[in-house]
Amino acid sequence: MTEGPGDLVLTEKVQSAAEPVVREIQGLRERTRGRLVFALVGILGALVVAFPVCAAFVPDARWDRVEAQLTGIITGVVGLVGIAVGWYFGSGSNR
């Protein structure tokens, strides 16, 4: 192939201008994922600490009702934390 007048000849590889932006977005996404996971783990930790404190102040007559509510809440949060941790660490292996 011959070069004619006005033909553009590239001697170096052209880098995409969007590459630094993509890296920045990926970094922000990773920090957000980390914050979300640590917030959910913190909520779970607070519930685990609050459960015995709550149990100490609840009268025996109301304990069954409170226990059922706390068990449902803790079960749901444990499920959310499990999903979030799996999502956080599983997303790193797809790269």
C-alpha atoms as a PDB file:
ATOM      1  CA  MET A   1       0.000   0.000   0.000  1.00  0.00           C
ATOM      2  CA  THR A   2       1.447   3.317  -1.018  1.00  0.00           C
ATOM      3  CA  GLU A   3       1.141   6.552   0.853  1.00  0.00           C
ATOM      4  CA  GLY A   4      -0.430   9.364  -1.004  1.00  0.00           C
ATOM      5  CA  PRO A   5      -0.628  13.034  -0.174  1.00  0.00           C
ATOM      6  CA  GLY A   6      -2.862  13.624   2.836  1.00  0.00           C
ATOM      7  CA  ASP A   7      -2.734   9.983   4.024  1.00  0.00           C
ATOM      8  CA  LEU A   8      -2.318   9.587   7.765  1.00  0.00           C
ATOM      9  CA  VAL A   9       0.561   7.304   8.680  1.00  0.00           C
ATOM     10  CA  LEU A  10       0.670   6.099  12.285  1.00  0.00           C
ATOM     11  CA  THR A  11       4.053   5.066  13.628  1.00  0.00           C
ATOM     12  CA  GLU A  12       2.988   4.587  17.273  1.00  0.00           C
ATOM     13  CA  LYS A  13       0.122   2.720  18.813  1.00  0.00           C
ATOM     14  CA  VAL A  14      -2.810   4.995  19.605  1.00  0.00           C
ATOM     15  CA  GLN A  15      -4.153   4.781  23.158  1.00  0.00           C
ATOM     16  CA  SER A  16      -7.789   5.289  23.875  1.00  0.00           C
ATOM     17  CA  ALA A  17      -8.570   8.550  25.628  1.00  0.00           C
ATOM     18  CA  ALA A  18     -11.344   6.820  27.596  1.00  0.00           C
ATOM     19  CA  GLU A  19      -8.984   4.357  29.318  1.00  0.00           C
ATOM     20  CA  PRO A  20      -8.132   6.586  32.356  1.00  0.00           C
ATOM     21  CA  VAL A  21     -11.820   7.406  32.805  1.00  0.00           C
ATOM     22  CA  VAL A  22     -12.732   3.723  32.792  1.00  0.00           C
ATOM     23  CA  ARG A  23     -10.086   3.023  35.447  1.00  0.00           C
ATOM     24  CA  GLU A  24     -11.424   5.873  37.588  1.00  0.00           C
ATOM     25  CA  ILE A  25     -14.991   4.574  37.307  1.00  0.00           C
ATOM     26  CA  GLN A  26     -13.841   1.053  38.204  1.00  0.00           C
ATOM     27  CA  GLY A  27     -12.016   2.426  41.246  1.00  0.00           C
ATOM     28  CA  LEU A  28     -15.092   4.331  42.395  1.00  0.00           C
ATOM     29  CA  ARG A  29     -17.233   1.240  41.861  1.00  0.00           C
ATOM     30  CA  GLU A  30     -14.842  -0.881  43.920  1.00  0.00           C
ATOM     31  CA  ARG A  31     -14.794   1.623  46.791  1.00  0.00           C
ATOM     32  CA  THR A  32     -18.590   1.787  46.766  1.00  0.00           C
ATOM     33  CA  ARG A  33     -18.848  -2.003  46.843  1.00  0.00           C
ATOM     34  CA  GLY A  34     -16.438  -2.139  49.764  1.00  0.00           C
ATOM     35  CA  ARG A  35     -18.337   0.501  51.719  1.00  0.00           C
ATOM     36  CA  LEU A  36     -21.617  -1.276  51.129  1.00  0.00           C
ATOM     37  CA  VAL A  37     -20.261  -4.618  52.311  1.00  0.00           C
ATOM     38  CA  PHE A  38     -18.608  -3.125  55.389  1.00  0.00           C
ATOM     39  CA  ALA A  39     -21.792  -1.203  56.246  1.00  0.00           C
ATOM     40  CA  LEU A  40     -23.835  -4.404  56.099  1.00  0.00           C
ATOM     41  CA  VAL A  41     -21.271  -6.272  58.201  1.00  0.00           C
ATOM     42  CA  GLY A  42     -21.367  -3.370  60.691  1.00  0.00           C
ATOM     43  CA  ILE A  43     -25.150  -3.575  60.880  1.00  0.00           C
ATOM     44  CA  LEU A  44     -24.897  -7.314  61.527  1.00  0.00           C
ATOM     45  CA  GLY A  45     -22.312  -6.699  64.257  1.00  0.00           C
ATOM     46  CA  ALA A  46     -24.541  -4.084  65.885  1.00  0.00           C
ATOM     47  CA  LEU A  47     -27.463  -6.523  65.856  1.00  0.00           C
ATOM     48  CA  VAL A  48     -25.354  -9.267  67.409  1.00  0.00           C
ATOM     49  CA  VAL A  49     -24.342  -6.873  70.201  1.00  0.00           C
ATOM     50  CA  ALA A  50     -27.862  -5.452  70.593  1.00  0.00           C
ATOM     51  CA  PHE A  51     -29.514  -8.881  70.874  1.00  0.00           C
ATOM     52  CA  PRO A  52     -28.153  -9.744  74.360  1.00  0.00           C
ATOM     53  CA  VAL A  53     -28.631  -6.164  75.565  1.00  0.00           C
ATOM     54  CA  CYS A  54     -32.249  -6.246  74.432  1.00  0.00           C
ATOM     55  CA  ALA A  55     -32.729  -9.673  76.003  1.00  0.00           C
ATOM     56  CA  ALA A  56     -31.546  -8.347  79.373  1.00  0.00           C
ATOM     57  CA  PHE A  57     -34.262  -5.683  79.525  1.00  0.00           C
ATOM     58  CA  VAL A  58     -37.264  -7.543  78.099  1.00  0.00           C
ATOM     59  CA  PRO A  59     -39.724  -8.973  80.633  1.00  0.00           C
ATOM     60  CA  ASP A  60     -40.315 -12.721  80.475  1.00  0.00           C
ATOM     61  CA  ALA A  61     -43.955 -12.258  79.478  1.00  0.00           C
ATOM     62  CA  ARG A  62     -42.991 -10.535  76.204  1.00  0.00           C
ATOM     63  CA  TRP A  63     -39.878 -12.556  75.415  1.00  0.00           C
ATOM     64  CA  ASP A  64     -41.470 -14.927  72.883  1.00  0.00           C
ATOM     65  CA  ARG A  65     -42.714 -12.054  70.750  1.00  0.00           C
ATOM     66  CA  VAL A  66     -39.389 -10.154  70.897  1.00  0.00           C
ATOM     67  CA  GLU A  67     -37.398 -13.309  70.171  1.00  0.00           C
ATOM     68  CA  ALA A  68     -39.453 -14.024  67.047  1.00  0.00           C
ATOM     69  CA  GLN A  69     -38.946 -10.488  65.751  1.00  0.00           C
ATOM     70  CA  LEU A  70     -35.208 -10.430  66.454  1.00  0.00           C
ATOM     71  CA  THR A  71     -34.726 -13.865  64.924  1.00  0.00           C
ATOM     72  CA  GLY A  72     -36.460 -12.732  61.732  1.00  0.00           C
ATOM     73  CA  ILE A  73     -34.425  -9.536  61.543  1.00  0.00           C
ATOM     74  CA  ILE A  74     -31.093 -11.223  62.211  1.00  0.00           C
ATOM     75  CA  THR A  75     -31.848 -13.991  59.708  1.00  0.00           C
ATOM     76  CA  GLY A  76     -32.616 -11.424  57.009  1.00  0.00           C
ATOM     77  CA  VAL A  77     -29.491  -9.377  57.712  1.00  0.00           C
ATOM     78  CA  VAL A  78     -27.288 -12.504  57.723  1.00  0.00           C
ATOM     79  CA  GLY A  79     -28.714 -13.376  54.296  1.00  0.00           C
ATOM     80  CA  LEU A  80     -28.025  -9.864  52.980  1.00  0.00           C
ATOM     81  CA  VAL A  81     -24.481  -9.887  54.340  1.00  0.00           C
ATOM     82  CA  GLY A  82     -23.848 -13.292  52.767  1.00  0.00           C
ATOM     83  CA  ILE A  83     -25.069 -12.089  49.400  1.00  0.00           C
ATOM     84  CA  ALA A  84     -23.096  -8.844  49.626  1.00  0.00           C
ATOM     85  CA  VAL A  85     -19.851 -10.551  50.631  1.00  0.00           C
ATOM     86  CA  GLY A  86     -20.258 -13.120  47.858  1.00  0.00           C
ATOM     87  CA  TRP A  87     -20.964 -10.364  45.355  1.00  0.00           C
ATOM     88  CA  TYR A  88     -17.987  -8.301  46.557  1.00  0.00           C
ATOM     89  CA  PHE A  89     -15.423 -11.090  46.427  1.00  0.00           C
ATOM     90  CA  GLY A  90     -16.997 -12.825  43.439  1.00  0.00           C
ATOM     91  CA  SER A  91     -16.831  -9.676  41.316  1.00  0.00           C
ATOM     92  CA  GLY A  92     -13.038  -9.596  41.660  1.00  0.00           C
ATOM     93  CA  SER A  93     -12.617 -13.018  40.070  1.00  0.00           C
ATOM     94  CA  ASN A  94     -14.457 -12.022  36.871  1.00  0.00           C
ATOM     95  CA  ARG A  95     -11.760  -9.576  35.798  1.00  0.00           C
END
